[in-house]
Amino acid sequence: MIKSIDLAATPGHLIRRAQQIAVAIFAEHLSAADITPVQFAILNALLDSPGIDQVSLAKRVAFDPATSGSVIGRLEAKGWVVRQADPTDRRRKLLVVTPQGTQALASIQADVARVQEKILSPLPQADQQLFVNLLSRLVEGHEAA
């Protein structure tokens, strides 16, 4: 007879649950700002790399190009991002955060920081940085493979 697996002890299940919790906390704290975690990630990446193309941006934030394309469309509709033709290749579109997008990001920075604190709050202070470091190593190890 086959025995069931204790999901509460499997990393895949725990990572999925942690993601669900993180998204719920983000939504709870930022619902008034009308921004999702994916939209935030894309806007934040665009601040660091203005004029990046959509495919490169998708790689940078680890989203598939189709998902990032629809998110960028929603950010454009809000007036937070614009697509500009690449002067060296008119077929290629470059992405830039608008002043309204920059203002929207600035207005939520403190809330986003509080979300990160809340996500980690069940852990003792001494374990929080260790947890983030271990997650970072896990992701980097799989991305390198």
N, C-alpha and C. Protein backbone atom coordinates (compact mmCIF):
# COMPACT_ATOMS: atom_id res chain seq x y z
N MET A 1 0.84 -1.18 0.00
CA MET A 1 0.00 0.00 0.00
C MET A 1 0.89 1.25 0.00
N ILE A 2 0.52 2.21 -0.82
CA ILE A 2 1.29 3.44 -0.91
C ILE A 2 0.95 4.37 0.26
N LYS A 3 1.97 5.02 0.76
CA LYS A 3 1.79 5.93 1.88
C LYS A 3 1.81 7.37 1.37
N SER A 4 0.96 8.21 1.90
CA SER A 4 0.92 9.60 1.46
C SER A 4 2.17 10.35 1.92
N ILE A 5 2.50 11.37 1.18
CA ILE A 5 3.64 12.23 1.50
C ILE A 5 3.15 13.35 2.40
N ASP A 6 3.92 13.68 3.41
CA ASP A 6 3.59 14.79 4.30
C ASP A 6 3.97 16.09 3.60
N LEU A 7 2.99 16.74 2.97
CA LEU A 7 3.27 17.96 2.21
C LEU A 7 3.88 19.06 3.06
N ALA A 8 3.52 19.12 4.31
CA ALA A 8 4.05 20.16 5.21
C ALA A 8 5.55 20.01 5.44
N ALA A 9 6.12 18.93 4.96
CA ALA A 9 7.56 18.71 5.11
C ALA A 9 8.28 18.71 3.77
N THR A 10 7.60 19.11 2.70
CA THR A 10 8.23 19.13 1.37
C THR A 10 8.51 20.56 0.94
N PRO A 11 9.73 20.81 0.45
CA PRO A 11 10.09 22.17 0.07
C PRO A 11 9.19 22.77 -1.01
N GLY A 12 8.81 21.97 -1.99
CA GLY A 12 7.96 22.51 -3.06
C GLY A 12 6.64 23.04 -2.53
N HIS A 13 5.99 22.27 -1.69
CA HIS A 13 4.72 22.70 -1.11
C HIS A 13 4.92 23.94 -0.22
N LEU A 14 5.97 23.93 0.60
CA LEU A 14 6.21 25.05 1.50
C LEU A 14 6.54 26.34 0.73
N ILE A 15 7.29 26.21 -0.35
CA ILE A 15 7.60 27.39 -1.17
C ILE A 15 6.33 27.93 -1.82
N ARG A 16 5.48 27.02 -2.32
CA ARG A 16 4.20 27.46 -2.92
C ARG A 16 3.35 28.17 -1.88
N ARG A 17 3.25 27.62 -0.67
CA ARG A 17 2.45 28.25 0.39
C ARG A 17 3.05 29.61 0.78
N ALA A 18 4.38 29.67 0.87
CA ALA A 18 5.03 30.94 1.20
C ALA A 18 4.74 31.99 0.14
N GLN A 19 4.72 31.59 -1.13
CA GLN A 19 4.38 32.52 -2.22
C GLN A 19 2.94 33.01 -2.08
N GLN A 20 2.03 32.09 -1.78
CA GLN A 20 0.63 32.50 -1.59
C GLN A 20 0.50 33.50 -0.45
N ILE A 21 1.20 33.24 0.63
CA ILE A 21 1.16 34.14 1.79
C ILE A 21 1.75 35.49 1.43
N ALA A 22 2.88 35.49 0.75
CA ALA A 22 3.54 36.74 0.36
C ALA A 22 2.64 37.59 -0.54
N VAL A 23 1.98 36.96 -1.50
CA VAL A 23 1.07 37.69 -2.40
C VAL A 23 -0.12 38.24 -1.62
N ALA A 24 -0.65 37.46 -0.71
CA ALA A 24 -1.80 37.92 0.10
C ALA A 24 -1.41 39.11 0.97
N ILE A 25 -0.24 39.08 1.57
CA ILE A 25 0.22 40.20 2.40
C ILE A 25 0.43 41.44 1.54
N PHE A 26 1.04 41.26 0.36
CA PHE A 26 1.24 42.38 -0.57
C PHE A 26 -0.11 43.00 -0.92
N ALA A 27 -1.08 42.17 -1.29
CA ALA A 27 -2.40 42.66 -1.68
C ALA A 27 -3.08 43.39 -0.52
N GLU A 28 -2.95 42.84 0.67
CA GLU A 28 -3.56 43.46 1.86
C GLU A 28 -3.01 44.86 2.10
N HIS A 29 -1.71 45.03 1.96
CA HIS A 29 -1.08 46.32 2.27
C HIS A 29 -1.08 47.30 1.12
N LEU A 30 -1.26 46.81 -0.11
CA LEU A 30 -1.14 47.70 -1.27
C LEU A 30 -2.37 47.73 -2.15
N SER A 31 -3.50 47.26 -1.64
CA SER A 31 -4.72 47.23 -2.47
C SER A 31 -5.11 48.63 -2.94
N ALA A 32 -4.94 49.63 -2.11
CA ALA A 32 -5.32 51.00 -2.49
C ALA A 32 -4.41 51.55 -3.59
N ALA A 33 -3.20 51.02 -3.71
CA ALA A 33 -2.25 51.51 -4.71
C ALA A 33 -2.51 50.92 -6.09
N ASP A 34 -3.39 49.92 -6.19
CA ASP A 34 -3.73 49.29 -7.46
C ASP A 34 -2.48 48.78 -8.19
N ILE A 35 -1.69 47.98 -7.47
CA ILE A 35 -0.48 47.40 -8.06
C ILE A 35 -0.32 45.97 -7.54
N THR A 36 0.11 45.09 -8.42
CA THR A 36 0.34 43.70 -8.05
C THR A 36 1.84 43.49 -7.81
N PRO A 37 2.20 42.37 -7.18
CA PRO A 37 3.64 42.10 -7.02
C PRO A 37 4.39 42.02 -8.35
N VAL A 38 3.77 41.46 -9.37
CA VAL A 38 4.42 41.36 -10.68
C VAL A 38 4.60 42.75 -11.29
N GLN A 39 3.57 43.59 -11.19
CA GLN A 39 3.69 44.96 -11.70
C GLN A 39 4.80 45.71 -10.96
N PHE A 40 4.85 45.53 -9.65
CA PHE A 40 5.90 46.18 -8.87
C PHE A 40 7.28 45.71 -9.33
N ALA A 41 7.44 44.41 -9.51
CA ALA A 41 8.74 43.86 -9.92
C ALA A 41 9.17 44.46 -11.26
N ILE A 42 8.24 44.57 -12.19
CA ILE A 42 8.57 45.11 -13.51
C ILE A 42 8.91 46.60 -13.42
N LEU A 43 8.11 47.37 -12.71
CA LEU A 43 8.41 48.80 -12.55
C LEU A 43 9.75 49.01 -11.87
N ASN A 44 9.99 48.25 -10.83
CA ASN A 44 11.23 48.37 -10.08
C ASN A 44 12.43 48.05 -10.97
N ALA A 45 12.33 46.99 -11.78
CA ALA A 45 13.41 46.62 -12.69
C ALA A 45 13.61 47.70 -13.76
N LEU A 46 12.53 48.31 -14.22
CA LEU A 46 12.65 49.38 -15.22
C LEU A 46 13.33 50.62 -14.66
N LEU A 47 13.17 50.87 -13.38
CA LEU A 47 13.88 52.00 -12.77
C LEU A 47 15.38 51.79 -12.87
N ASP A 48 15.82 50.54 -12.67
CA ASP A 48 17.25 50.23 -12.73
C ASP A 48 17.76 50.16 -14.16
N SER A 49 16.88 49.87 -15.12
CA SER A 49 17.30 49.67 -16.52
C SER A 49 16.35 50.38 -17.48
N PRO A 50 16.29 51.71 -17.42
CA PRO A 50 15.39 52.40 -18.35
C PRO A 50 15.83 52.15 -19.79
N GLY A 51 14.85 51.95 -20.66
CA GLY A 51 15.14 51.72 -22.06
C GLY A 51 15.47 50.28 -22.41
N ILE A 52 15.18 49.37 -21.50
CA ILE A 52 15.40 47.93 -21.75
C ILE A 52 14.26 47.42 -22.64
N ASP A 53 14.55 46.39 -23.43
CA ASP A 53 13.50 45.81 -24.26
C ASP A 53 12.71 44.78 -23.44
N GLN A 54 11.54 44.40 -23.95
CA GLN A 54 10.62 43.54 -23.21
C GLN A 54 11.20 42.15 -22.93
N VAL A 55 11.91 41.58 -23.89
CA VAL A 55 12.47 40.24 -23.71
C VAL A 55 13.55 40.27 -22.62
N SER A 56 14.42 41.26 -22.66
CA SER A 56 15.47 41.38 -21.65
C SER A 56 14.87 41.64 -20.27
N LEU A 57 13.83 42.46 -20.24
CA LEU A 57 13.15 42.73 -18.97
C LEU A 57 12.53 41.46 -18.40
N ALA A 58 11.89 40.68 -19.24
CA ALA A 58 11.27 39.43 -18.80
C ALA A 58 12.31 38.51 -18.17
N LYS A 59 13.48 38.42 -18.78
CA LYS A 59 14.56 37.60 -18.22
C LYS A 59 15.01 38.15 -16.87
N ARG A 60 15.14 39.46 -16.78
CA ARG A 60 15.62 40.09 -15.55
C ARG A 60 14.70 39.82 -14.37
N VAL A 61 13.38 39.81 -14.60
CA VAL A 61 12.44 39.60 -13.50
C VAL A 61 11.91 38.17 -13.45
N ALA A 62 12.46 37.31 -14.29
CA ALA A 62 12.13 35.88 -14.31
C ALA A 62 10.65 35.60 -14.57
N PHE A 63 10.10 36.30 -15.57
CA PHE A 63 8.74 36.04 -16.05
C PHE A 63 8.82 35.68 -17.51
N ASP A 64 7.87 34.88 -17.97
CA ASP A 64 7.86 34.57 -19.39
C ASP A 64 7.45 35.83 -20.16
N PRO A 65 7.92 35.98 -21.40
CA PRO A 65 7.62 37.19 -22.17
C PRO A 65 6.12 37.46 -22.35
N ALA A 66 5.31 36.42 -22.47
CA ALA A 66 3.87 36.63 -22.64
C ALA A 66 3.26 37.26 -21.39
N THR A 67 3.64 36.74 -20.22
CA THR A 67 3.13 37.31 -18.96
C THR A 67 3.62 38.74 -18.80
N SER A 68 4.89 38.97 -19.04
CA SER A 68 5.41 40.33 -18.87
C SER A 68 4.77 41.27 -19.88
N GLY A 69 4.47 40.78 -21.07
CA GLY A 69 3.82 41.63 -22.08
C GLY A 69 2.45 42.10 -21.64
N SER A 70 1.66 41.21 -21.06
CA SER A 70 0.33 41.62 -20.60
C SER A 70 0.42 42.56 -19.40
N VAL A 71 1.39 42.32 -18.53
CA VAL A 71 1.60 43.21 -17.37
C VAL A 71 2.03 44.59 -17.85
N ILE A 72 2.94 44.63 -18.81
CA ILE A 72 3.39 45.91 -19.35
C ILE A 72 2.22 46.65 -19.99
N GLY A 73 1.34 45.93 -20.67
CA GLY A 73 0.13 46.55 -21.24
C GLY A 73 -0.73 47.21 -20.17
N ARG A 74 -0.87 46.54 -19.04
CA ARG A 74 -1.66 47.14 -17.94
C ARG A 74 -0.95 48.35 -17.35
N LEU A 75 0.37 48.28 -17.26
CA LEU A 75 1.13 49.43 -16.75
C LEU A 75 1.06 50.60 -17.73
N GLU A 76 1.04 50.31 -19.02
CA GLU A 76 0.85 51.36 -20.02
C GLU A 76 -0.52 52.01 -19.88
N ALA A 77 -1.54 51.19 -19.68
CA ALA A 77 -2.91 51.71 -19.53
C ALA A 77 -3.02 52.63 -18.32
N LYS A 78 -2.23 52.38 -17.29
CA LYS A 78 -2.23 53.24 -16.10
C LYS A 78 -1.42 54.52 -16.33
N GLY A 79 -0.65 54.54 -17.42
CA GLY A 79 0.21 55.69 -17.70
C GLY A 79 1.52 55.64 -16.95
N TRP A 80 1.92 54.44 -16.49
CA TRP A 80 3.14 54.29 -15.69
C TRP A 80 4.35 53.87 -16.51
N VAL A 81 4.10 53.35 -17.71
CA VAL A 81 5.18 52.87 -18.59
C VAL A 81 4.83 53.28 -20.01
N VAL A 82 5.86 53.61 -20.79
CA VAL A 82 5.68 53.85 -22.23
C VAL A 82 6.66 52.97 -23.00
N ARG A 83 6.23 52.60 -24.20
CA ARG A 83 7.10 51.88 -25.13
C ARG A 83 7.58 52.89 -26.16
N GLN A 84 8.88 52.88 -26.40
CA GLN A 84 9.46 53.78 -27.39
C GLN A 84 10.22 52.95 -28.41
N ALA A 85 10.16 53.39 -29.66
CA ALA A 85 10.90 52.68 -30.71
C ALA A 85 12.40 52.83 -30.47
N ASP A 86 13.13 51.74 -30.66
CA ASP A 86 14.58 51.75 -30.55
C ASP A 86 15.12 52.54 -31.75
N PRO A 87 15.92 53.57 -31.52
CA PRO A 87 16.41 54.37 -32.65
C PRO A 87 17.26 53.57 -33.64
N THR A 88 17.87 52.45 -33.18
CA THR A 88 18.71 51.66 -34.08
C THR A 88 17.94 50.52 -34.75
N ASP A 89 16.75 50.19 -34.22
CA ASP A 89 15.92 49.12 -34.79
C ASP A 89 14.47 49.46 -34.48
N ARG A 90 13.80 50.09 -35.41
CA ARG A 90 12.43 50.61 -35.19
C ARG A 90 11.43 49.50 -34.84
N ARG A 91 11.75 48.24 -35.14
CA ARG A 91 10.84 47.14 -34.80
C ARG A 91 10.88 46.81 -33.31
N ARG A 92 11.98 47.15 -32.69
CA ARG A 92 12.20 46.83 -31.27
C ARG A 92 11.66 47.97 -30.40
N LYS A 93 10.92 47.61 -29.36
CA LYS A 93 10.35 48.61 -28.45
C LYS A 93 11.12 48.61 -27.13
N LEU A 94 11.46 49.79 -26.67
CA LEU A 94 12.16 49.97 -25.41
C LEU A 94 11.17 50.51 -24.38
N LEU A 95 11.35 50.10 -23.14
CA LEU A 95 10.40 50.45 -22.08
C LEU A 95 11.00 51.46 -21.12
N VAL A 96 10.17 52.43 -20.75
CA VAL A 96 10.60 53.49 -19.84
C VAL A 96 9.47 53.77 -18.85
N VAL A 97 9.84 53.97 -17.59
CA VAL A 97 8.87 54.37 -16.57
C VAL A 97 8.57 55.85 -16.77
N THR A 98 7.30 56.20 -16.75
CA THR A 98 6.90 57.61 -16.89
C THR A 98 7.06 58.32 -15.55
N PRO A 99 6.99 59.65 -15.55
CA PRO A 99 7.01 60.36 -14.27
C PRO A 99 5.87 59.91 -13.33
N GLN A 100 4.69 59.59 -13.91
CA GLN A 100 3.59 59.09 -13.08
C GLN A 100 3.94 57.73 -12.48
N GLY A 101 4.62 56.89 -13.24
CA GLY A 101 5.05 55.59 -12.74
C GLY A 101 6.08 55.73 -11.64
N THR A 102 7.00 56.65 -11.82
CA THR A 102 8.02 56.92 -10.79
C THR A 102 7.35 57.41 -9.52
N GLN A 103 6.37 58.29 -9.68
CA GLN A 103 5.64 58.82 -8.52
C GLN A 103 4.86 57.70 -7.82
N ALA A 104 4.24 56.82 -8.60
CA ALA A 104 3.49 55.71 -8.02
C ALA A 104 4.43 54.81 -7.21
N LEU A 105 5.60 54.51 -7.77
CA LEU A 105 6.57 53.69 -7.05
C LEU A 105 7.04 54.37 -5.77
N ALA A 106 7.34 55.65 -5.87
CA ALA A 106 7.81 56.39 -4.69
C ALA A 106 6.76 56.37 -3.59
N SER A 107 5.50 56.43 -3.96
CA SER A 107 4.44 56.49 -2.96
C SER A 107 4.21 55.17 -2.23
N ILE A 108 4.73 54.06 -2.79
CA ILE A 108 4.51 52.76 -2.15
C ILE A 108 5.77 52.15 -1.56
N GLN A 109 6.91 52.80 -1.70
CA GLN A 109 8.17 52.23 -1.21
C GLN A 109 8.09 51.81 0.26
N ALA A 110 7.56 52.67 1.10
CA ALA A 110 7.48 52.35 2.54
C ALA A 110 6.55 51.17 2.78
N ASP A 111 5.44 51.12 2.03
CA ASP A 111 4.50 50.00 2.17
C ASP A 111 5.15 48.68 1.73
N VAL A 112 5.91 48.72 0.65
CA VAL A 112 6.58 47.52 0.16
C VAL A 112 7.59 47.04 1.21
N ALA A 113 8.30 47.96 1.82
CA ALA A 113 9.25 47.58 2.88
C ALA A 113 8.51 46.94 4.06
N ARG A 114 7.36 47.48 4.43
CA ARG A 114 6.57 46.90 5.52
C ARG A 114 6.06 45.50 5.15
N VAL A 115 5.72 45.31 3.89
CA VAL A 115 5.28 43.98 3.43
C VAL A 115 6.41 42.97 3.64
N GLN A 116 7.64 43.34 3.27
CA GLN A 116 8.77 42.43 3.42
C GLN A 116 8.97 42.09 4.90
N GLU A 117 8.85 43.09 5.76
CA GLU A 117 8.98 42.86 7.20
C GLU A 117 7.89 41.91 7.70
N LYS A 118 6.66 42.13 7.23
CA LYS A 118 5.54 41.30 7.66
C LYS A 118 5.72 39.85 7.19
N ILE A 119 6.21 39.67 5.97
CA ILE A 119 6.44 38.32 5.45
C ILE A 119 7.41 37.57 6.36
N LEU A 120 8.44 38.25 6.80
CA LEU A 120 9.47 37.62 7.62
C LEU A 120 9.15 37.61 9.12
N SER A 121 8.11 38.30 9.53
CA SER A 121 7.83 38.50 10.96
C SER A 121 7.67 37.23 11.80
N PRO A 122 7.22 36.09 11.26
CA PRO A 122 7.15 34.90 12.11
C PRO A 122 8.53 34.35 12.52
N LEU A 123 9.58 34.77 11.82
CA LEU A 123 10.92 34.30 12.13
C LEU A 123 11.59 35.22 13.14
N PRO A 124 12.40 34.66 14.02
CA PRO A 124 13.18 35.53 14.91
C PRO A 124 14.09 36.43 14.08
N GLN A 125 14.34 37.62 14.57
CA GLN A 125 15.17 38.60 13.86
C GLN A 125 16.49 37.98 13.38
N ALA A 126 17.10 37.16 14.22
CA ALA A 126 18.39 36.56 13.87
C ALA A 126 18.28 35.60 12.69
N ASP A 127 17.11 35.04 12.44
CA ASP A 127 16.93 34.07 11.34
C ASP A 127 16.46 34.71 10.04
N GLN A 128 15.98 35.93 10.09
CA GLN A 128 15.40 36.55 8.89
C GLN A 128 16.42 36.71 7.77
N GLN A 129 17.60 37.24 8.05
CA GLN A 129 18.61 37.41 7.00
C GLN A 129 19.12 36.07 6.51
N LEU A 130 19.26 35.11 7.42
CA LEU A 130 19.68 33.77 7.04
C LEU A 130 18.67 33.16 6.06
N PHE A 131 17.38 33.30 6.36
CA PHE A 131 16.33 32.77 5.50
C PHE A 131 16.42 33.38 4.10
N VAL A 132 16.56 34.69 4.03
CA VAL A 132 16.65 35.37 2.73
C VAL A 132 17.91 34.92 1.99
N ASN A 133 19.02 34.78 2.71
CA ASN A 133 20.26 34.31 2.08
C ASN A 133 20.11 32.89 1.53
N LEU A 134 19.46 32.02 2.29
CA LEU A 134 19.25 30.65 1.83
C LEU A 134 18.33 30.60 0.61
N LEU A 135 17.26 31.39 0.63
CA LEU A 135 16.38 31.45 -0.54
C LEU A 135 17.14 31.95 -1.76
N SER A 136 17.95 32.96 -1.55
CA SER A 136 18.74 33.53 -2.63
C SER A 136 19.69 32.48 -3.22
N ARG A 137 20.35 31.73 -2.37
CA ARG A 137 21.25 30.68 -2.82
C ARG A 137 20.49 29.58 -3.56
N LEU A 138 19.31 29.24 -3.07
CA LEU A 138 18.48 28.22 -3.73
C LEU A 138 18.13 28.66 -5.15
N VAL A 139 17.65 29.90 -5.28
CA VAL A 139 17.27 30.43 -6.59
C VAL A 139 18.49 30.52 -7.51
N GLU A 140 19.57 31.10 -7.01
CA GLU A 140 20.77 31.25 -7.83
C GLU A 140 21.31 29.89 -8.28
N GLY A 141 21.27 28.92 -7.39
CA GLY A 141 21.75 27.58 -7.74
C GLY A 141 20.94 26.95 -8.86
N HIS A 142 19.62 27.13 -8.80
CA HIS A 142 18.78 26.56 -9.86
C HIS A 142 18.87 27.36 -11.15
N GLU A 143 19.04 28.66 -11.03
CA GLU A 143 19.18 29.48 -12.26
C GLU A 143 20.48 29.18 -12.97
N ALA A 144 21.52 28.86 -12.21
CA ALA A 144 22.82 28.57 -12.81
C ALA A 144 22.84 27.20 -13.49
N ALA A 145 21.96 26.32 -13.07
CA ALA A 145 21.95 24.94 -13.61
C ALA A 145 21.37 24.87 -15.00
